N, C-alpha and C. Protein backbone atom coordinates (compact mmCIF):
# COMPACT_ATOMS: atom_id res chain seq x y z
N UNK A 1 -22.51 -1.09 -4.15
CA UNK A 1 -20.76 0.34 -4.44
C UNK A 1 -20.77 0.71 -2.55
N UNK A 2 -19.03 0.33 -2.68
CA UNK A 2 -18.50 1.05 -1.50
C UNK A 2 -18.34 2.17 -1.56
N UNK A 3 -18.22 3.15 -0.49
CA UNK A 3 -17.47 4.54 -0.74
C UNK A 3 -16.20 4.57 -0.22
N UNK A 4 -15.01 5.31 -0.80
CA UNK A 4 -13.72 5.22 -0.26
C UNK A 4 -13.53 6.90 0.31
N UNK A 5 -13.09 7.31 2.07
CA UNK A 5 -12.96 8.63 2.32
C UNK A 5 -11.09 8.76 2.25
N UNK A 6 -10.80 9.86 1.64
CA UNK A 6 -9.62 10.10 1.70
C UNK A 6 -9.29 11.15 2.12
N UNK A 7 -7.59 11.30 2.66
CA UNK A 7 -7.38 12.21 3.48
C UNK A 7 -6.37 12.81 2.47
N UNK A 8 -5.72 14.46 2.21
CA UNK A 8 -5.10 14.22 1.31
C UNK A 8 -4.49 15.97 1.89
N UNK A 9 -3.22 15.78 2.27
CA UNK A 9 -2.80 17.13 2.48
C UNK A 9 -1.64 17.62 1.36
N UNK A 10 -1.60 18.80 1.23
CA UNK A 10 -0.75 19.67 0.38
C UNK A 10 0.15 21.04 0.69
N UNK A 11 1.01 20.99 0.34
CA UNK A 11 2.10 22.51 0.49
C UNK A 11 1.35 23.49 0.71
N UNK A 12 0.40 23.96 -0.11
CA UNK A 12 0.19 25.15 -0.25
C UNK A 12 -1.69 25.32 -0.06
N UNK A 13 -1.94 26.41 -0.25
CA UNK A 13 -3.51 26.14 0.13
C UNK A 13 -3.94 26.21 -1.29
N UNK A 14 -3.13 27.06 -2.54
CA UNK A 14 -3.69 26.82 -4.11
C UNK A 14 -3.62 25.37 -4.18
N UNK A 15 -2.58 24.56 -3.98
CA UNK A 15 -2.71 22.89 -4.59
C UNK A 15 -4.01 22.64 -3.81
N UNK A 16 -4.19 22.51 -2.59
CA UNK A 16 -5.52 22.28 -1.91
C UNK A 16 -6.86 22.74 -2.66
N UNK A 17 -6.71 24.04 -3.42
CA UNK A 17 -8.24 24.66 -3.53
C UNK A 17 -8.39 23.67 -5.53
N UNK A 18 -6.89 23.85 -5.69
CA UNK A 18 -7.60 23.23 -7.05
C UNK A 18 -7.65 21.59 -6.79
N UNK A 19 -7.30 21.05 -6.21
CA UNK A 19 -7.72 20.11 -5.79
C UNK A 19 -9.03 19.36 -5.73
N UNK A 20 -9.82 20.48 -4.39
CA UNK A 20 -11.26 20.12 -3.94
C UNK A 20 -11.80 20.46 -5.30
N UNK A 21 -11.77 21.56 -5.85
CA UNK A 21 -12.10 21.76 -7.33
C UNK A 21 -12.92 20.56 -8.46
N UNK A 22 -11.10 20.10 -8.82
CA UNK A 22 -10.96 18.41 -9.32
C UNK A 22 -12.07 17.35 -8.54
N UNK A 23 -11.93 17.73 -7.50
CA UNK A 23 -12.53 16.05 -6.80
C UNK A 23 -14.21 16.40 -6.76
N UNK A 24 -14.69 17.58 -6.73
CA UNK A 24 -16.07 18.50 -6.61
C UNK A 24 -16.31 17.65 -8.33
N UNK A 25 -15.56 17.92 -9.44
CA UNK A 25 -15.86 17.27 -10.52
C UNK A 25 -16.11 15.78 -11.85
N UNK A 26 -15.39 15.09 -10.36
CA UNK A 26 -15.45 14.11 -10.36
C UNK A 26 -17.11 13.30 -9.35
N UNK A 27 -17.56 14.32 -8.40
CA UNK A 27 -18.48 14.00 -8.25
C UNK A 27 -18.55 13.51 -6.97
N UNK A 28 -17.46 14.02 -6.40
CA UNK A 28 -17.31 13.78 -5.04
C UNK A 28 -18.23 13.72 -3.81
N UNK A 29 -19.25 12.19 -3.36
CA UNK A 29 -19.96 12.83 -2.36
C UNK A 29 -20.30 13.88 -1.37
N UNK A 30 -18.68 13.94 -0.84
CA UNK A 30 -18.56 15.09 0.30
C UNK A 30 -16.82 15.51 0.07
N UNK A 31 -16.76 17.03 -0.24
CA UNK A 31 -15.16 17.48 -0.15
C UNK A 31 -15.72 18.44 1.00
N UNK A 32 -14.43 18.48 1.95
CA UNK A 32 -14.76 19.14 3.13
C UNK A 32 -13.06 19.43 3.62
N UNK A 33 -12.65 20.00 4.64
CA UNK A 33 -11.32 20.01 5.26
C UNK A 33 -11.06 21.34 5.12
N UNK A 34 -9.89 22.05 5.37
CA UNK A 34 -9.82 23.13 5.57
C UNK A 34 -8.61 23.30 4.53
N UNK A 35 -9.08 23.60 3.18
CA UNK A 35 -7.81 24.37 2.36
C UNK A 35 -6.95 25.11 2.52
N UNK A 36 -7.49 26.27 3.14
CA UNK A 36 -6.19 27.05 3.33
C UNK A 36 -4.79 26.71 4.09
N UNK A 37 -5.43 25.72 4.97
CA UNK A 37 -4.06 24.83 5.28
C UNK A 37 -3.52 23.84 4.91
N UNK A 38 -4.54 23.23 3.00
CA UNK A 38 -3.65 22.45 2.39
C UNK A 38 -4.20 21.15 2.96
N UNK A 39 -5.18 20.92 3.80
CA UNK A 39 -5.46 19.17 4.39
C UNK A 39 -7.29 19.50 3.37
N UNK A 40 -7.67 18.43 2.52
CA UNK A 40 -8.88 18.37 2.34
C UNK A 40 -9.25 16.89 2.59
N UNK A 41 -10.35 16.59 2.73
CA UNK A 41 -11.17 15.31 2.91
C UNK A 41 -12.06 14.77 1.76
N UNK A 42 -12.17 13.49 1.50
CA UNK A 42 -13.15 13.82 0.67
C UNK A 42 -13.71 12.06 0.45
N UNK A 43 -15.32 11.80 -0.16
CA UNK A 43 -15.60 10.92 0.01
C UNK A 43 -15.94 10.18 -1.43
N UNK A 44 -15.84 9.22 -2.41
CA UNK A 44 -16.06 8.82 -3.64
C UNK A 44 -16.39 7.84 -3.56
N UNK A 45 -17.15 7.22 -4.95
CA UNK A 45 -17.27 6.53 -5.31
C UNK A 45 -16.26 5.46 -5.49
N UNK A 46 -16.16 3.96 -5.23
CA UNK A 46 -15.17 2.96 -5.33
C UNK A 46 -14.70 3.14 -6.64
N UNK A 47 -15.65 2.86 -7.52
CA UNK A 47 -15.01 3.09 -9.21
C UNK A 47 -13.98 4.04 -9.70
N UNK A 48 -14.63 5.70 -8.29
CA UNK A 48 -13.34 6.52 -9.11
C UNK A 48 -12.37 6.44 -8.24
N UNK A 49 -12.01 5.94 -6.81
CA UNK A 49 -11.34 6.70 -6.03
C UNK A 49 -9.82 6.15 -6.73
N UNK A 50 -9.34 5.64 -7.68
CA UNK A 50 -8.27 5.51 -8.09
C UNK A 50 -7.76 6.95 -8.73
N UNK A 51 -8.83 7.13 -9.71
CA UNK A 51 -8.54 8.53 -10.44
C UNK A 51 -8.18 9.64 -9.26
N UNK A 52 -9.31 9.65 -8.20
CA UNK A 52 -9.20 10.87 -7.27
C UNK A 52 -7.93 10.68 -7.03
N UNK A 53 -7.08 9.43 -6.42
CA UNK A 53 -5.88 9.38 -5.56
C UNK A 53 -5.19 9.99 -6.92
N UNK A 54 -5.39 9.91 -8.43
CA UNK A 54 -4.23 9.90 -9.17
C UNK A 54 -4.15 11.49 -9.13
N UNK A 55 -5.36 12.09 -9.50
CA UNK A 55 -4.97 13.88 -9.73
C UNK A 55 -4.51 14.40 -8.23
N UNK A 56 -5.09 14.07 -6.68
CA UNK A 56 -4.35 14.00 -6.06
C UNK A 56 -2.77 14.51 -5.95
N UNK A 57 -2.33 13.26 -6.26
CA UNK A 57 -0.64 12.63 -6.06
C UNK A 57 0.04 13.60 -7.32
N UNK A 58 -1.10 14.26 -8.37
CA UNK A 58 -0.52 14.86 -9.51
C UNK A 58 -0.65 16.29 -9.40
N UNK A 59 -1.45 16.88 -8.17
CA UNK A 59 -1.09 17.79 -7.89
C UNK A 59 0.58 18.23 -6.96
N UNK A 60 0.56 17.23 -6.39
CA UNK A 60 1.16 17.17 -5.54
C UNK A 60 0.51 16.38 -3.93
N UNK A 61 0.17 16.27 -3.85
CA UNK A 61 -1.02 15.81 -2.53
C UNK A 61 -0.33 14.67 -2.14
N UNK A 62 -0.23 14.28 -0.88
CA UNK A 62 0.13 12.84 -0.11
C UNK A 62 -1.31 12.67 0.49
N UNK A 63 -1.83 11.05 0.38
CA UNK A 63 -2.85 10.62 0.95
C UNK A 63 -2.79 9.33 1.68
N UNK A 64 -4.22 9.60 2.34
CA UNK A 64 -4.71 8.54 2.83
C UNK A 64 -5.85 8.03 2.85
N UNK A 65 -6.73 6.75 2.59
CA UNK A 65 -8.11 6.41 2.49
C UNK A 65 -8.23 5.46 3.40
N UNK A 66 -9.76 5.31 3.44
CA UNK A 66 -10.43 4.38 4.08
C UNK A 66 -11.39 3.99 3.33
N UNK A 67 -12.01 2.54 3.14
CA UNK A 67 -13.02 2.27 2.68
C UNK A 67 -14.36 2.07 3.51
N UNK A 68 -15.31 2.84 3.31
CA UNK A 68 -16.67 2.82 3.92
C UNK A 68 -17.89 2.15 4.07
């Protein structure tokens, strides 16, 4: 199973924090970045990547992805 690296940006810290918690609930392998600056990175299984991208967009984030 491949993994997907997601980079997301948000307009504010609270949206980034919300996404961070939801990505952790999806059991992302890694979640990092600088939420206080509205920037996150996450590595997820390919099978949950679409759900992760959807939740980020629902919260108002912009995304970029890479399959690793």
